[in-house]
């Protein structure tokens, strides 16, 4: 099961596990996520984050349904 799918427009993506968690002053969302990793979407049209299993799908690619 894929916990979250994010559609993107570029083949190069990054994930820190907390990019959608933001707050106010002195808030550090990375403490709630994982180290930032950069990934490349291949010919399959998607890539999964090895830390949090988020799936990044290239818009208009073979995995975009």
Protein backbone atom coordinates (compact mmCIF):
# COMPACT_ATOMS: atom_id res chain seq x y z
CA UNK A 1 0.00 0.00 0.00
CA UNK A 2 1.33 3.44 -0.95
CA UNK A 3 0.66 5.91 1.92
CA UNK A 4 0.72 9.06 -0.22
CA UNK A 5 1.01 9.85 -3.93
CA UNK A 6 2.34 13.19 -5.11
CA UNK A 7 2.12 14.24 -8.76
CA UNK A 8 5.11 16.22 -9.99
CA UNK A 9 6.18 17.97 -13.20
CA UNK A 10 9.90 17.16 -13.09
CA UNK A 11 11.85 13.88 -13.06
CA UNK A 12 14.09 15.07 -10.21
CA UNK A 13 12.29 15.19 -6.84
CA UNK A 14 13.20 15.56 -3.18
CA UNK A 15 11.50 14.28 -0.06
CA UNK A 16 12.01 15.05 3.62
CA UNK A 17 8.92 13.28 4.91
CA UNK A 18 7.55 16.50 6.35
CA UNK A 19 7.26 18.86 3.37
CA UNK A 20 3.52 19.29 3.87
CA UNK A 21 3.88 19.87 7.64
CA UNK A 22 4.66 23.50 8.34
CA UNK A 23 4.12 25.65 11.37
CA UNK A 24 4.92 28.90 13.04
CA UNK A 25 7.98 30.46 14.60
CA UNK A 26 10.78 28.11 15.66
CA UNK A 27 9.01 25.16 14.07
CA UNK A 28 11.29 22.53 12.56
CA UNK A 29 9.29 20.16 10.33
CA UNK A 30 12.30 18.01 9.43
CA UNK A 31 12.33 16.79 13.03
CA UNK A 32 9.00 15.15 12.23
CA UNK A 33 10.19 13.66 8.95
CA UNK A 34 13.46 12.16 7.71
CA UNK A 35 16.70 13.37 6.08
CA UNK A 36 16.09 15.06 2.74
CA UNK A 37 16.75 12.70 -0.15
CA UNK A 38 16.83 13.42 -3.87
CA UNK A 39 15.44 10.88 -6.34
CA UNK A 40 15.16 10.52 -10.09
CA UNK A 41 11.99 9.26 -11.80
CA UNK A 42 12.91 6.67 -14.43
CA UNK A 43 11.00 5.28 -17.43
CA UNK A 44 8.40 3.71 -15.12
CA UNK A 45 7.05 7.23 -14.46
CA UNK A 46 7.32 7.08 -10.67
CA UNK A 47 9.73 6.73 -7.76
CA UNK A 48 9.10 5.74 -4.13
CA UNK A 49 10.87 7.32 -1.17
CA UNK A 50 12.91 4.72 0.70
CA UNK A 51 12.17 6.36 4.04
CA UNK A 52 8.46 7.16 4.06
CA UNK A 53 7.17 5.28 0.97
CA UNK A 54 5.70 8.41 -0.62
CA UNK A 55 5.25 7.83 -4.33
CA UNK A 56 6.15 10.61 -6.74
CA UNK A 57 4.38 10.26 -10.10
CA UNK A 58 5.39 12.23 -13.19
CA UNK A 59 2.37 14.05 -14.66
CA UNK A 60 1.66 12.73 -18.14
CA UNK A 61 4.01 9.78 -17.61
CA UNK A 62 3.21 6.07 -17.84
CA UNK A 63 2.20 5.83 -14.14
CA UNK A 64 -0.14 8.87 -14.24
CA UNK A 65 -3.71 7.63 -14.24
